[in-house]
Amino acid sequence: MDAEHGRVGPTAVTDTGADFGVSTGGRRGPLLLADPSPPDTMRRTMSRPESPPEAARVAFVTGASRGIGRASAVALADAGFDVVVTARTVTEGQSFDYGPTRAEARPVALPGSIERTADEVRARGRRALPIRLDLTDARSIDAAVDRALAEWGRVDVLLNNGIYQGPGLMERFADLRPTEIEAVFRGNVFAQIHVTQRVLAHMLDRGAGGTIINMTSGSALIDPPAPTGAGGWGYAYAASKAAFHRLAGILHVEHADDGIRCFNVNPGFILTEAQKALHGGDPFGGAFAGAGPEVPAAVVAWLASDPESDALRGGRHVDAQRLCEERQLLPGFRRAKGR
C-alpha cells in the first residue's frame, strides 16, 4: 500500500527507529548528514526551476506520483500554490514492490511519476519542483527538504500523504514478522515524524505560521468488517495509521499559538492505480462506497486555503467525502450510497 492506496473509514467528522533519529525536544528535527544533490539520473531529468517570487505560497506533497497525492498537488496548484512534488517514482515505467503481503510481492510499474505530476502543476500556471523522496530512507527525506528550502526558501503547507508499500502491510497478525511491522512503522509513522519535524522547524523559524495536513485512515478508529484478504485490512496498517492519527492533535495543542494549523483527513475508500494493478479492482469486495482521488484532493486544497477550515483543526477526523459534498467543493459530487 502506498500514498495512492484507498482507505476506509467512518462517515463523520469526529473527535477522537533508530534510522530516523527522532528528536524528543526542541524545535528542530534531526539533520542527518547526507548529500542533498540528486543522483545523475535525476540531474538529467529535473531541470533547476526558477526561484518563485517571495509572495508565492509553497506546498510540499509526499506520495505525489499518483492517486491522492497527484490529485492533491494539482488541486493545490489550482488554489494558487507552487508545489514541491515528491515520491520515489521519478519517471514513468519505474517498478517497485507494491504487494501488501509476501504472497503478492512482485515488482510492478504503475502509471504516474513525479515528473508527470509536475507537468500537470505547471500546466496550471504554477511552478513545480519534482524531488525524489523515499520514505524508508531518512537521508532521502533530509535531502528533499533541504533542496526545497534551498531553491524556494519556504514551505507554507505540508501534505503528509505518502505511505509504505510492501509485504507486512496486510499480513494477518499471526503471520506478521517483526521485520515487516518495523518496515511498516518506518514508512507510515517515523518517516512522517521526520518530515514534519523538519518542515515544522522551518515554519517556526519563519514565524509566519503554516499548515500541516495528514492523510490518515478510518482503519485507525474502527475494526475491519472481515479479516485481511477477505474484505478487511491488516494489523500493521491499522496500527501505524492509529499512531500517525495522533500527530495532528498533539501539534495543534503545542503549536496553535504559533500559527500552525494541523488537520487529519480521512479520504474514505479511494480506488487507485495500485489496487487496480494488484487486485484488479476493489480489494474490499464492495463493502465500502468510494470516490475518486479528486475528492480528498479538493478537501486538501480547501483546508490549505480557506480560513473557515480552522474549525476543523486538531485531532478531529475530517471525512473528505462528506465535507466535499457538504461544501460543494466539486460541482455535482454526491457520496455514493452506503456513505
C-alpha atoms as a PDB file:
ATOM      1  CA  MET A   1       0.000   0.000   0.000  1.00  0.00           C
ATOM      2  CA  ASP A   2       1.285   3.464  -0.868  1.00  0.00           C
ATOM      3  CA  ALA A   3       0.179   7.048  -0.781  1.00  0.00           C
ATOM      4  CA  GLU A   4      -2.330   6.467  -3.506  1.00  0.00           C
ATOM      5  CA  HIS A   5      -3.961   3.412  -1.947  1.00  0.00           C
ATOM      6  CA  GLY A   6      -7.607   3.682  -0.950  1.00  0.00           C
ATOM      7  CA  ARG A   7      -8.581   3.933   2.663  1.00  0.00           C
ATOM      8  CA  VAL A   8     -11.756   3.153   4.504  1.00  0.00           C
ATOM      9  CA  GLY A   9     -13.384   4.714   7.494  1.00  0.00           C
ATOM     10  CA  PRO A  10     -16.319   6.231   9.323  1.00  0.00           C
ATOM     11  CA  THR A  11     -18.505   8.845   7.738  1.00  0.00           C
ATOM     12  CA  ALA A  12     -18.411  11.773  10.136  1.00  0.00           C
ATOM     13  CA  VAL A  13     -16.030  14.384  11.432  1.00  0.00           C
ATOM     14  CA  THR A  14     -15.247  13.037  14.888  1.00  0.00           C
ATOM     15  CA  ASP A  15     -13.030  13.904  17.857  1.00  0.00           C
ATOM     16  CA  THR A  16     -11.277  11.442  18.678  1.00  0.00           C
ATOM     17  CA  GLY A  17      13.747   3.963  14.711  1.00  0.00           C
ATOM     18  CA  ALA A  18      16.791   4.471  15.023  1.00  0.00           C
ATOM     19  CA  ASP A  19      17.146   5.042  11.280  1.00  0.00           C
ATOM     20  CA  PHE A  20      15.316   8.314  11.689  1.00  0.00           C
ATOM     21  CA  GLY A  21      16.840   9.532  14.980  1.00  0.00           C
ATOM     22  CA  VAL A  22      13.550  11.106  16.061  1.00  0.00           C
ATOM     23  CA  SER A  23      14.155  14.137  18.250  1.00  0.00           C
ATOM     24  CA  THR A  24      12.342  14.398  21.579  1.00  0.00           C
ATOM     25  CA  GLY A  25      12.823  18.075  22.224  1.00  0.00           C
ATOM     26  CA  GLY A  26      13.418  21.463  20.697  1.00  0.00           C
ATOM     27  CA  ARG A  27      12.052  22.932  17.539  1.00  0.00           C
ATOM     28  CA  ARG A  28      14.386  21.367  15.056  1.00  0.00           C
ATOM     29  CA  GLY A  29      14.226  17.775  13.922  1.00  0.00           C
ATOM     30  CA  PRO A  30      17.465  15.873  13.301  1.00  0.00           C
ATOM     31  CA  LEU A  31      19.535  16.703  10.272  1.00  0.00           C
ATOM     32  CA  LEU A  32      21.317  13.592   9.089  1.00  0.00           C
ATOM     33  CA  LEU A  33      24.483  14.097   7.109  1.00  0.00           C
ATOM     34  CA  ALA A  34      23.634  13.371   3.509  1.00  0.00           C
ATOM     35  CA  ASP A  35      24.443  14.541   0.021  1.00  0.00           C
ATOM     36  CA  PRO A  36      21.399  16.665  -0.865  1.00  0.00           C
ATOM     37  CA  SER A  37      22.167  16.610  -4.561  1.00  0.00           C
ATOM     38  CA  PRO A  38      20.102  14.145  -6.635  1.00  0.00           C
ATOM     39  CA  PRO A  39      21.770  11.238  -8.445  1.00  0.00           C
ATOM     40  CA  ASP A  40      22.943  11.670 -12.023  1.00  0.00           C
ATOM     41  CA  THR A  41      19.749  10.208 -13.499  1.00  0.00           C
ATOM     42  CA  MET A  42      17.714  12.817 -11.677  1.00  0.00           C
ATOM     43  CA  ARG A  43      20.018  15.646 -12.732  1.00  0.00           C
ATOM     44  CA  ARG A  44      19.289  14.706 -16.337  1.00  0.00           C
ATOM     45  CA  THR A  45      15.507  14.617 -15.842  1.00  0.00           C
ATOM     46  CA  MET A  46      14.977  17.510 -13.427  1.00  0.00           C
ATOM     47  CA  SER A  47      15.920  20.984 -14.564  1.00  0.00           C
ATOM     48  CA  ARG A  48      16.578  23.554 -11.888  1.00  0.00           C
ATOM     49  CA  PRO A  49      13.434  25.691 -11.625  1.00  0.00           C
ATOM     50  CA  GLU A  50      13.375  29.441 -11.434  1.00  0.00           C
ATOM     51  CA  SER A  51      13.000  30.632  -7.859  1.00  0.00           C
ATOM     52  CA  PRO A  52       9.403  31.691  -7.156  1.00  0.00           C
ATOM     53  CA  PRO A  53       8.595  35.252  -6.095  1.00  0.00           C
ATOM     54  CA  GLU A  54       8.649  35.857  -2.366  1.00  0.00           C
ATOM     55  CA  ALA A  55       4.857  36.106  -2.192  1.00  0.00           C
ATOM     56  CA  ALA A  56       4.263  32.689  -3.791  1.00  0.00           C
ATOM     57  CA  ARG A  57       2.885  30.114  -1.379  1.00  0.00           C
ATOM     58  CA  VAL A  58       4.567  26.709  -1.458  1.00  0.00           C
ATOM     59  CA  ALA A  59       3.073  23.276  -0.739  1.00  0.00           C
ATOM     60  CA  PHE A  60       5.265  20.216  -0.096  1.00  0.00           C
ATOM     61  CA  VAL A  61       3.452  16.982  -1.028  1.00  0.00           C
ATOM     62  CA  THR A  62       4.662  13.439  -0.332  1.00  0.00           C
ATOM     63  CA  GLY A  63       3.475  10.471  -2.365  1.00  0.00           C
ATOM     64  CA  ALA A  64       2.647  12.763  -5.273  1.00  0.00           C
ATOM     65  CA  SER A  65       3.376  10.452  -8.197  1.00  0.00           C
ATOM     66  CA  ARG A  66      -0.212   9.193  -8.498  1.00  0.00           C
ATOM     67  CA  GLY A  67      -3.544   8.778  -6.731  1.00  0.00           C
ATOM     68  CA  ILE A  68      -4.487  11.119  -3.899  1.00  0.00           C
ATOM     69  CA  GLY A  69      -1.051  12.748  -3.834  1.00  0.00           C
ATOM     70  CA  ARG A  70      -1.062  13.593  -7.532  1.00  0.00           C
ATOM     71  CA  ALA A  71      -4.640  14.890  -7.389  1.00  0.00           C
ATOM     72  CA  SER A  72      -3.828  16.977  -4.301  1.00  0.00           C
ATOM     73  CA  ALA A  73      -0.767  18.526  -5.941  1.00  0.00           C
ATOM     74  CA  VAL A  74      -2.918  19.563  -8.894  1.00  0.00           C
ATOM     75  CA  ALA A  75      -5.707  20.888  -6.633  1.00  0.00           C
ATOM     76  CA  LEU A  76      -3.187  22.899  -4.618  1.00  0.00           C
ATOM     77  CA  ALA A  77      -1.848  24.370  -7.866  1.00  0.00           C
ATOM     78  CA  ASP A  78      -5.398  25.337  -8.811  1.00  0.00           C
ATOM     79  CA  ALA A  79      -5.651  27.026  -5.386  1.00  0.00           C
ATOM     80  CA  GLY A  80      -2.594  29.161  -6.144  1.00  0.00           C
ATOM     81  CA  PHE A  81       0.257  27.168  -4.613  1.00  0.00           C
ATOM     82  CA  ASP A  82       3.597  26.319  -6.157  1.00  0.00           C
ATOM     83  CA  VAL A  83       4.191  22.644  -5.427  1.00  0.00           C
ATOM     84  CA  VAL A  84       7.175  20.566  -4.325  1.00  0.00           C
ATOM     85  CA  VAL A  85       6.252  17.194  -5.822  1.00  0.00           C
ATOM     86  CA  THR A  86       7.872  14.250  -4.032  1.00  0.00           C
ATOM     87  CA  ALA A  87       7.713  10.457  -4.303  1.00  0.00           C
ATOM     88  CA  ARG A  88      10.094   7.638  -5.136  1.00  0.00           C
ATOM     89  CA  THR A  89       8.789   7.188  -8.727  1.00  0.00           C
ATOM     90  CA  VAL A  90      10.657   9.812 -10.731  1.00  0.00           C
ATOM     91  CA  THR A  91       9.880   8.746 -14.309  1.00  0.00           C
ATOM     92  CA  GLU A  92       7.161   6.648 -15.928  1.00  0.00           C
ATOM     93  CA  GLY A  93       7.872   2.928 -16.054  1.00  0.00           C
ATOM     94  CA  GLN A  94       9.871   2.517 -12.850  1.00  0.00           C
ATOM     95  CA  SER A  95       9.000  -0.690 -10.984  1.00  0.00           C
ATOM     96  CA  PHE A  96       8.627  -1.213  -7.227  1.00  0.00           C
ATOM     97  CA  ASP A  97       7.180  -3.906  -4.983  1.00  0.00           C
ATOM     98  CA  TYR A  98       3.675  -2.772  -4.081  1.00  0.00           C
ATOM     99  CA  GLY A  99       2.454  -6.151  -2.793  1.00  0.00           C
ATOM    100  CA  PRO A 100       0.980  -5.756   0.726  1.00  0.00           C
ATOM    101  CA  THR A 101       1.660  -9.423   1.576  1.00  0.00           C
ATOM    102  CA  ARG A 102       4.547 -11.783   0.924  1.00  0.00           C
ATOM    103  CA  ALA A 103       2.330 -13.800  -1.428  1.00  0.00           C
ATOM    104  CA  GLU A 104       1.630 -10.714  -3.519  1.00  0.00           C
ATOM    105  CA  ALA A 105       5.172  -9.354  -3.547  1.00  0.00           C
ATOM    106  CA  ARG A 106       6.369  -8.566  -7.032  1.00  0.00           C
ATOM    107  CA  PRO A 107       7.740  -5.541  -8.878  1.00  0.00           C
ATOM    108  CA  VAL A 108       5.071  -3.579 -10.732  1.00  0.00           C
ATOM    109  CA  ALA A 109       5.328  -0.453 -12.873  1.00  0.00           C
ATOM    110  CA  LEU A 110       2.294   1.688 -12.067  1.00  0.00           C
ATOM    111  CA  PRO A 111       1.231   4.666 -14.170  1.00  0.00           C
ATOM    112  CA  GLY A 112       2.344   8.000 -12.790  1.00  0.00           C
ATOM    113  CA  SER A 113       5.539   9.767 -11.722  1.00  0.00           C
ATOM    114  CA  ILE A 114       6.624  12.998 -10.083  1.00  0.00           C
ATOM    115  CA  GLU A 115       7.687  14.293 -13.488  1.00  0.00           C
ATOM    116  CA  ARG A 116       4.177  13.763 -14.831  1.00  0.00           C
ATOM    117  CA  THR A 117       2.567  15.398 -11.806  1.00  0.00           C
ATOM    118  CA  ALA A 118       4.983  18.329 -12.072  1.00  0.00           C
ATOM    119  CA  ASP A 119       3.934  18.835 -15.700  1.00  0.00           C
ATOM    120  CA  GLU A 120       0.286  18.964 -14.601  1.00  0.00           C
ATOM    121  CA  VAL A 121       1.111  21.581 -11.961  1.00  0.00           C
ATOM    122  CA  ARG A 122       2.989  23.711 -14.491  1.00  0.00           C
ATOM    123  CA  ALA A 123       0.099  23.404 -16.950  1.00  0.00           C
ATOM    124  CA  ARG A 124      -1.966  25.308 -14.380  1.00  0.00           C
ATOM    125  CA  GLY A 125       0.458  28.215 -14.360  1.00  0.00           C
ATOM    126  CA  ARG A 126       2.239  27.291 -11.120  1.00  0.00           C
ATOM    127  CA  ARG A 127       5.838  26.273 -10.501  1.00  0.00           C
ATOM    128  CA  ALA A 128       6.672  22.653  -9.722  1.00  0.00           C
ATOM    129  CA  LEU A 129       9.807  21.221  -8.128  1.00  0.00           C
ATOM    130  CA  PRO A 130       9.939  17.410  -8.520  1.00  0.00           C
ATOM    131  CA  ILE A 131      12.242  15.722  -5.994  1.00  0.00           C
ATOM    132  CA  ARG A 132      12.716  12.011  -5.344  1.00  0.00           C
ATOM    133  CA  LEU A 133      11.810  11.081  -1.754  1.00  0.00           C
ATOM    134  CA  ASP A 134      11.847   7.545  -0.344  1.00  0.00           C
ATOM    135  CA  LEU A 135      10.021   7.349   2.984  1.00  0.00           C
ATOM    136  CA  THR A 136      12.134   4.384   4.078  1.00  0.00           C
ATOM    137  CA  ASP A 137      15.350   6.419   3.818  1.00  0.00           C
ATOM    138  CA  ALA A 138      15.839   9.286   6.291  1.00  0.00           C
ATOM    139  CA  ARG A 139      18.678  10.728   4.218  1.00  0.00           C
ATOM    140  CA  SER A 140      16.331  10.930   1.251  1.00  0.00           C
ATOM    141  CA  ILE A 141      13.858  12.887   3.374  1.00  0.00           C
ATOM    142  CA  ASP A 142      16.535  15.315   4.544  1.00  0.00           C
ATOM    143  CA  ALA A 143      17.832  15.788   1.014  1.00  0.00           C
ATOM    144  CA  ALA A 144      14.335  16.565  -0.304  1.00  0.00           C
ATOM    145  CA  VAL A 145      13.528  19.106   2.422  1.00  0.00           C
ATOM    146  CA  ASP A 146      16.974  20.697   2.132  1.00  0.00           C
ATOM    147  CA  ARG A 147      16.632  21.095  -1.626  1.00  0.00           C
ATOM    148  CA  ALA A 148      13.114  22.529  -1.415  1.00  0.00           C
ATOM    149  CA  LEU A 149      14.193  25.151   1.117  1.00  0.00           C
ATOM    150  CA  ALA A 150      17.439  25.919  -0.694  1.00  0.00           C
ATOM    151  CA  GLU A 151      15.699  26.507  -4.037  1.00  0.00           C
ATOM    152  CA  TRP A 152      12.382  28.023  -2.975  1.00  0.00           C
ATOM    153  CA  GLY A 153      13.110  29.288   0.535  1.00  0.00           C
ATOM    154  CA  ARG A 154       9.794  28.408   2.170  1.00  0.00           C
ATOM    155  CA  VAL A 155       7.134  25.772   2.777  1.00  0.00           C
ATOM    156  CA  ASP A 156       3.673  27.009   3.728  1.00  0.00           C
ATOM    157  CA  VAL A 157       1.771  23.708   3.512  1.00  0.00           C
ATOM    158  CA  LEU A 158       2.940  20.165   4.203  1.00  0.00           C
ATOM    159  CA  LEU A 159       0.745  17.303   2.990  1.00  0.00           C
ATOM    160  CA  ASN A 160       1.814  14.011   4.586  1.00  0.00           C
ATOM    161  CA  ASN A 161       0.224  11.689   2.050  1.00  0.00           C
ATOM    162  CA  GLY A 162       2.893   9.100   1.207  1.00  0.00           C
ATOM    163  CA  ILE A 163       2.926   5.730   2.970  1.00  0.00           C
ATOM    164  CA  TYR A 164       4.856   2.458   2.950  1.00  0.00           C
ATOM    165  CA  GLN A 165       4.104  -0.153   0.325  1.00  0.00           C
ATOM    166  CA  GLY A 166       5.284  -3.711   0.614  1.00  0.00           C
ATOM    167  CA  PRO A 167       4.966  -7.013   2.485  1.00  0.00           C
ATOM    168  CA  GLY A 168       3.653  -6.832   6.032  1.00  0.00           C
ATOM    169  CA  LEU A 169       1.103  -4.138   5.399  1.00  0.00           C
ATOM    170  CA  MET A 170      -1.800  -6.563   5.006  1.00  0.00           C
ATOM    171  CA  GLU A 171      -0.477  -9.777   6.558  1.00  0.00           C
ATOM    172  CA  ARG A 172      -2.651 -11.481   9.160  1.00  0.00           C
ATOM    173  CA  PHE A 173      -1.391 -10.866  12.671  1.00  0.00           C
ATOM    174  CA  ALA A 174      -0.202 -14.451  13.303  1.00  0.00           C
ATOM    175  CA  ASP A 175       1.845 -14.325  10.086  1.00  0.00           C
ATOM    176  CA  LEU A 176       3.378 -10.895  10.660  1.00  0.00           C
ATOM    177  CA  ARG A 177       7.173 -10.834  11.008  1.00  0.00           C
ATOM    178  CA  PRO A 178       8.938  -8.347  13.312  1.00  0.00           C
ATOM    179  CA  THR A 179      10.993  -7.006  10.415  1.00  0.00           C
ATOM    180  CA  GLU A 180       7.806  -6.353   8.450  1.00  0.00           C
ATOM    181  CA  ILE A 181       5.999  -4.381  11.122  1.00  0.00           C
ATOM    182  CA  GLU A 182       9.193  -2.386  11.687  1.00  0.00           C
ATOM    183  CA  ALA A 183       9.226  -1.534   7.968  1.00  0.00           C
ATOM    184  CA  VAL A 184       5.555  -0.516   8.062  1.00  0.00           C
ATOM    185  CA  PHE A 185       6.086   1.786  11.047  1.00  0.00           C
ATOM    186  CA  ARG A 186       9.235   3.210   9.473  1.00  0.00           C
ATOM    187  CA  GLY A 187       7.303   4.211   6.358  1.00  0.00           C
ATOM    188  CA  ASN A 188       3.961   5.124   7.963  1.00  0.00           C
ATOM    189  CA  VAL A 189       4.967   6.766  11.245  1.00  0.00           C
ATOM    190  CA  PHE A 190       8.666   7.504  11.679  1.00  0.00           C
ATOM    191  CA  ALA A 191       9.045   8.957   8.184  1.00  0.00           C
ATOM    192  CA  GLN A 192       6.101  11.301   8.718  1.00  0.00           C
ATOM    193  CA  ILE A 193       7.527  12.370  12.074  1.00  0.00           C
ATOM    194  CA  HIS A 194      10.844  13.118  10.399  1.00  0.00           C
ATOM    195  CA  VAL A 195       9.351  15.112   7.510  1.00  0.00           C
ATOM    196  CA  THR A 196       7.075  17.017   9.875  1.00  0.00           C
ATOM    197  CA  GLN A 197       9.859  17.889  12.336  1.00  0.00           C
ATOM    198  CA  ARG A 198      11.989  19.258   9.506  1.00  0.00           C
ATOM    199  CA  VAL A 199       9.197  21.336   7.960  1.00  0.00           C
ATOM    200  CA  LEU A 200       7.782  22.437  11.328  1.00  0.00           C
ATOM    201  CA  ALA A 201      11.191  23.740  12.385  1.00  0.00           C
ATOM    202  CA  HIS A 202      11.291  25.859   9.228  1.00  0.00           C
ATOM    203  CA  MET A 203       7.756  27.157   9.786  1.00  0.00           C
ATOM    204  CA  LEU A 204       8.534  28.140  13.366  1.00  0.00           C
ATOM    205  CA  ASP A 205      11.778  29.848  12.379  1.00  0.00           C
ATOM    206  CA  ARG A 206       9.975  31.867   9.690  1.00  0.00           C
ATOM    207  CA  GLY A 207       7.378  32.938  12.218  1.00  0.00           C
ATOM    208  CA  ALA A 208       4.643  33.097   9.568  1.00  0.00           C
ATOM    209  CA  GLY A 209       2.688  30.011  10.612  1.00  0.00           C
ATOM    210  CA  GLY A 210       1.870  27.155   8.293  1.00  0.00           C
ATOM    211  CA  THR A 211      -0.468  24.262   7.578  1.00  0.00           C
ATOM    212  CA  ILE A 212       0.162  20.550   8.105  1.00  0.00           C
ATOM    213  CA  ILE A 213      -2.346  18.101   6.625  1.00  0.00           C
ATOM    214  CA  ASN A 214      -2.113  14.392   7.428  1.00  0.00           C
ATOM    215  CA  MET A 215      -3.839  11.847   5.202  1.00  0.00           C
ATOM    216  CA  THR A 216      -4.969   9.279   7.752  1.00  0.00           C
ATOM    217  CA  SER A 217      -7.450   6.390   7.596  1.00  0.00           C
ATOM    218  CA  GLY A 218     -10.659   5.205   9.174  1.00  0.00           C
ATOM    219  CA  SER A 219      -8.853   1.936   9.889  1.00  0.00           C
ATOM    220  CA  ALA A 220      -7.163   3.828  12.744  1.00  0.00           C
ATOM    221  CA  LEU A 221     -10.530   4.069  14.518  1.00  0.00           C
ATOM    222  CA  ILE A 222     -12.731   1.122  13.574  1.00  0.00           C
ATOM    223  CA  ASP A 223     -12.485  -2.655  13.316  1.00  0.00           C
ATOM    224  CA  PRO A 224     -12.354  -4.205   9.841  1.00  0.00           C
ATOM    225  CA  PRO A 225     -15.517  -5.899   8.558  1.00  0.00           C
ATOM    226  CA  ALA A 226     -13.575  -9.092   7.846  1.00  0.00           C
ATOM    227  CA  PRO A 227     -10.023 -10.468   8.093  1.00  0.00           C
ATOM    228  CA  THR A 228      -7.388  -9.062   5.792  1.00  0.00           C
ATOM    229  CA  GLY A 229      -7.555 -10.811   2.456  1.00  0.00           C
ATOM    230  CA  ALA A 230     -11.280 -11.385   2.870  1.00  0.00           C
ATOM    231  CA  GLY A 231     -12.534  -7.805   2.795  1.00  0.00           C
ATOM    232  CA  GLY A 232     -10.656  -6.222   5.714  1.00  0.00           C
ATOM    233  CA  TRP A 233      -7.238  -4.787   6.493  1.00  0.00           C
ATOM    234  CA  GLY A 234      -4.169  -5.867   8.434  1.00  0.00           C
ATOM    235  CA  TYR A 235      -2.995  -5.003  11.943  1.00  0.00           C
ATOM    236  CA  ALA A 236       0.250  -3.363  10.823  1.00  0.00           C
ATOM    237  CA  TYR A 237      -1.538  -0.923   8.533  1.00  0.00           C
ATOM    238  CA  ALA A 238      -4.236  -0.035  11.067  1.00  0.00           C
ATOM    239  CA  ALA A 239      -1.805   0.266  13.992  1.00  0.00           C
ATOM    240  CA  SER A 240       0.567   2.511  12.045  1.00  0.00           C
ATOM    241  CA  LYS A 241      -2.318   4.713  10.944  1.00  0.00           C
ATOM    242  CA  ALA A 242      -3.582   4.924  14.532  1.00  0.00           C
ATOM    243  CA  ALA A 243      -0.162   6.144  15.676  1.00  0.00           C
ATOM    244  CA  PHE A 244       0.007   8.660  12.823  1.00  0.00           C
ATOM    245  CA  HIS A 245      -3.524   9.850  13.608  1.00  0.00           C
ATOM    246  CA  ARG A 246      -2.366  11.231  16.981  1.00  0.00           C
ATOM    247  CA  LEU A 247       0.123  13.650  15.429  1.00  0.00           C
ATOM    248  CA  ALA A 248      -2.235  16.429  14.306  1.00  0.00           C
ATOM    249  CA  GLY A 249      -3.901  16.763  17.707  1.00  0.00           C
ATOM    250  CA  ILE A 250      -0.589  16.970  19.553  1.00  0.00           C
ATOM    251  CA  LEU A 251       0.770  19.548  17.108  1.00  0.00           C
ATOM    252  CA  HIS A 252      -2.414  21.585  17.492  1.00  0.00           C
ATOM    253  CA  VAL A 253      -2.088  21.674  21.273  1.00  0.00           C
ATOM    254  CA  GLU A 254       1.611  22.543  21.154  1.00  0.00           C
ATOM    255  CA  HIS A 255       1.755  24.987  18.227  1.00  0.00           C
ATOM    256  CA  ALA A 256      -1.663  26.518  17.517  1.00  0.00           C
ATOM    257  CA  ASP A 257      -0.431  29.719  19.189  1.00  0.00           C
ATOM    258  CA  ASP A 258       2.472  29.733  16.714  1.00  0.00           C
ATOM    259  CA  GLY A 259       0.043  29.859  13.803  1.00  0.00           C
ATOM    260  CA  ILE A 260       0.469  26.197  12.885  1.00  0.00           C
ATOM    261  CA  ARG A 261      -2.766  24.718  11.526  1.00  0.00           C
ATOM    262  CA  CYS A 262      -2.998  20.916  11.653  1.00  0.00           C
ATOM    263  CA  PHE A 263      -5.603  18.557  10.190  1.00  0.00           C
ATOM    264  CA  ASN A 264      -6.406  14.844   9.914  1.00  0.00           C
ATOM    265  CA  VAL A 265      -8.132  13.866   6.665  1.00  0.00           C
ATOM    266  CA  ASN A 266      -9.854  10.524   6.168  1.00  0.00           C
ATOM    267  CA  PRO A 267     -10.242  10.140   2.381  1.00  0.00           C
ATOM    268  CA  GLY A 268     -12.659   7.228   2.651  1.00  0.00           C
ATOM    269  CA  PHE A 269     -12.313   4.391   0.179  1.00  0.00           C
ATOM    270  CA  ILE A 270     -10.458   5.563  -2.934  1.00  0.00           C
ATOM    271  CA  LEU A 271      -9.896   3.070  -5.758  1.00  0.00           C
ATOM    272  CA  THR A 272      -6.449   3.801  -7.135  1.00  0.00           C
ATOM    273  CA  GLU A 273      -3.868   2.596  -9.629  1.00  0.00           C
ATOM    274  CA  ALA A 274      -2.133   0.251  -7.198  1.00  0.00           C
ATOM    275  CA  GLN A 275      -5.350  -1.543  -6.237  1.00  0.00           C
ATOM    276  CA  LYS A 276      -6.314  -1.959  -9.859  1.00  0.00           C
ATOM    277  CA  ALA A 277      -2.892  -3.406 -10.678  1.00  0.00           C
ATOM    278  CA  LEU A 278      -2.662  -5.732  -7.672  1.00  0.00           C
ATOM    279  CA  HIS A 279      -6.291  -6.760  -7.198  1.00  0.00           C
ATOM    280  CA  GLY A 280      -7.999  -5.939 -10.476  1.00  0.00           C
ATOM    281  CA  GLY A 281     -10.271  -3.559  -8.579  1.00  0.00           C
ATOM    282  CA  ASP A 282     -11.771  -3.213  -5.109  1.00  0.00           C
ATOM    283  CA  PRO A 283      -9.903  -5.378  -2.535  1.00  0.00           C
ATOM    284  CA  PHE A 284     -12.760  -4.927  -0.031  1.00  0.00           C
ATOM    285  CA  GLY A 285     -15.371  -6.616  -2.172  1.00  0.00           C
ATOM    286  CA  GLY A 286     -17.704  -3.634  -2.390  1.00  0.00           C
ATOM    287  CA  ALA A 287     -18.044  -3.289   1.398  1.00  0.00           C
ATOM    288  CA  PHE A 288     -17.339   0.429   1.177  1.00  0.00           C
ATOM    289  CA  ALA A 289     -18.688   3.032  -1.218  1.00  0.00           C
ATOM    290  CA  GLY A 290     -15.927   5.110  -2.715  1.00  0.00           C
ATOM    291  CA  ALA A 291     -14.919   8.135  -4.740  1.00  0.00           C
ATOM    292  CA  GLY A 292     -12.133   9.334  -6.983  1.00  0.00           C
ATOM    293  CA  PRO A 293      -8.885  10.852  -5.673  1.00  0.00           C
ATOM    294  CA  GLU A 294     -10.047  14.299  -6.767  1.00  0.00           C
ATOM    295  CA  VAL A 295     -12.463  14.303  -3.800  1.00  0.00           C
ATOM    296  CA  PRO A 296      -9.910  14.236  -0.952  1.00  0.00           C
ATOM    297  CA  ALA A 297      -7.717  16.469  -3.128  1.00  0.00           C
ATOM    298  CA  ALA A 298     -10.412  19.146  -3.198  1.00  0.00           C
ATOM    299  CA  VAL A 299     -10.670  18.927   0.588  1.00  0.00           C
ATOM    300  CA  VAL A 300      -6.897  19.295   0.962  1.00  0.00           C
ATOM    301  CA  ALA A 301      -6.915  22.456  -1.157  1.00  0.00           C
ATOM    302  CA  TRP A 302      -9.826  23.887   0.857  1.00  0.00           C
ATOM    303  CA  LEU A 303      -8.153  23.156   4.198  1.00  0.00           C
ATOM    304  CA  ALA A 304      -4.932  24.753   2.966  1.00  0.00           C
ATOM    305  CA  SER A 305      -6.534  27.937   1.678  1.00  0.00           C
ATOM    306  CA  ASP A 306      -9.878  28.731   3.347  1.00  0.00           C
ATOM    307  CA  PRO A 307      -9.882  30.327   6.841  1.00  0.00           C
ATOM    308  CA  GLU A 308     -13.238  28.679   7.566  1.00  0.00           C
ATOM    309  CA  SER A 309     -11.390  25.374   7.804  1.00  0.00           C
ATOM    310  CA  ASP A 310      -9.906  26.498  11.140  1.00  0.00           C
ATOM    311  CA  ALA A 311     -12.945  24.987  12.866  1.00  0.00           C
ATOM    312  CA  LEU A 312     -11.661  21.514  11.887  1.00  0.00           C
ATOM    313  CA  ARG A 313      -8.111  21.869  13.225  1.00  0.00           C
ATOM    314  CA  GLY A 314      -6.568  19.376  15.615  1.00  0.00           C
ATOM    315  CA  GLY A 315      -7.273  15.703  16.219  1.00  0.00           C
ATOM    316  CA  ARG A 316     -10.680  15.593  14.561  1.00  0.00           C
ATOM    317  CA  HIS A 317     -11.101  13.072  11.764  1.00  0.00           C
ATOM    318  CA  VAL A 318     -12.212  15.098   8.749  1.00  0.00           C
ATOM    319  CA  ASP A 319     -14.360  12.934   6.460  1.00  0.00           C
ATOM    320  CA  ALA A 320     -13.269  14.053   2.999  1.00  0.00           C
ATOM    321  CA  GLN A 321     -16.225  12.673   1.080  1.00  0.00           C
ATOM    322  CA  ARG A 322     -18.828  14.135   3.405  1.00  0.00           C
ATOM    323  CA  LEU A 323     -17.082  17.515   3.592  1.00  0.00           C
ATOM    324  CA  CYS A 324     -16.663  17.658  -0.182  1.00  0.00           C
ATOM    325  CA  GLU A 325     -20.382  17.094  -0.635  1.00  0.00           C
ATOM    326  CA  GLU A 326     -21.490  19.483   2.116  1.00  0.00           C
ATOM    327  CA  ARG A 327     -19.187  22.275   0.936  1.00  0.00           C
ATOM    328  CA  GLN A 328     -19.833  21.536  -2.744  1.00  0.00           C
ATOM    329  CA  LEU A 329     -16.098  21.608  -3.368  1.00  0.00           C
ATOM    330  CA  LEU A 330     -16.554  19.594  -6.566  1.00  0.00           C
ATOM    331  CA  PRO A 331     -19.599  20.567  -8.622  1.00  0.00           C
ATOM    332  CA  GLY A 332     -22.059  17.703  -8.802  1.00  0.00           C
ATOM    333  CA  PHE A 333     -20.255  15.366  -6.403  1.00  0.00           C
ATOM    334  CA  ARG A 334     -22.522  13.217  -4.262  1.00  0.00           C
ATOM    335  CA  ARG A 335     -21.418  10.498  -1.887  1.00  0.00           C
ATOM    336  CA  ALA A 336     -22.283   7.000  -3.011  1.00  0.00           C
ATOM    337  CA  LYS A 337     -24.975   5.136  -1.113  1.00  0.00           C
ATOM    338  CA  GLY A 338     -23.586   3.492   1.997  1.00  0.00           C
ATOM    339  CA  ARG A 339     -21.644   6.594   2.984  1.00  0.00           C
END
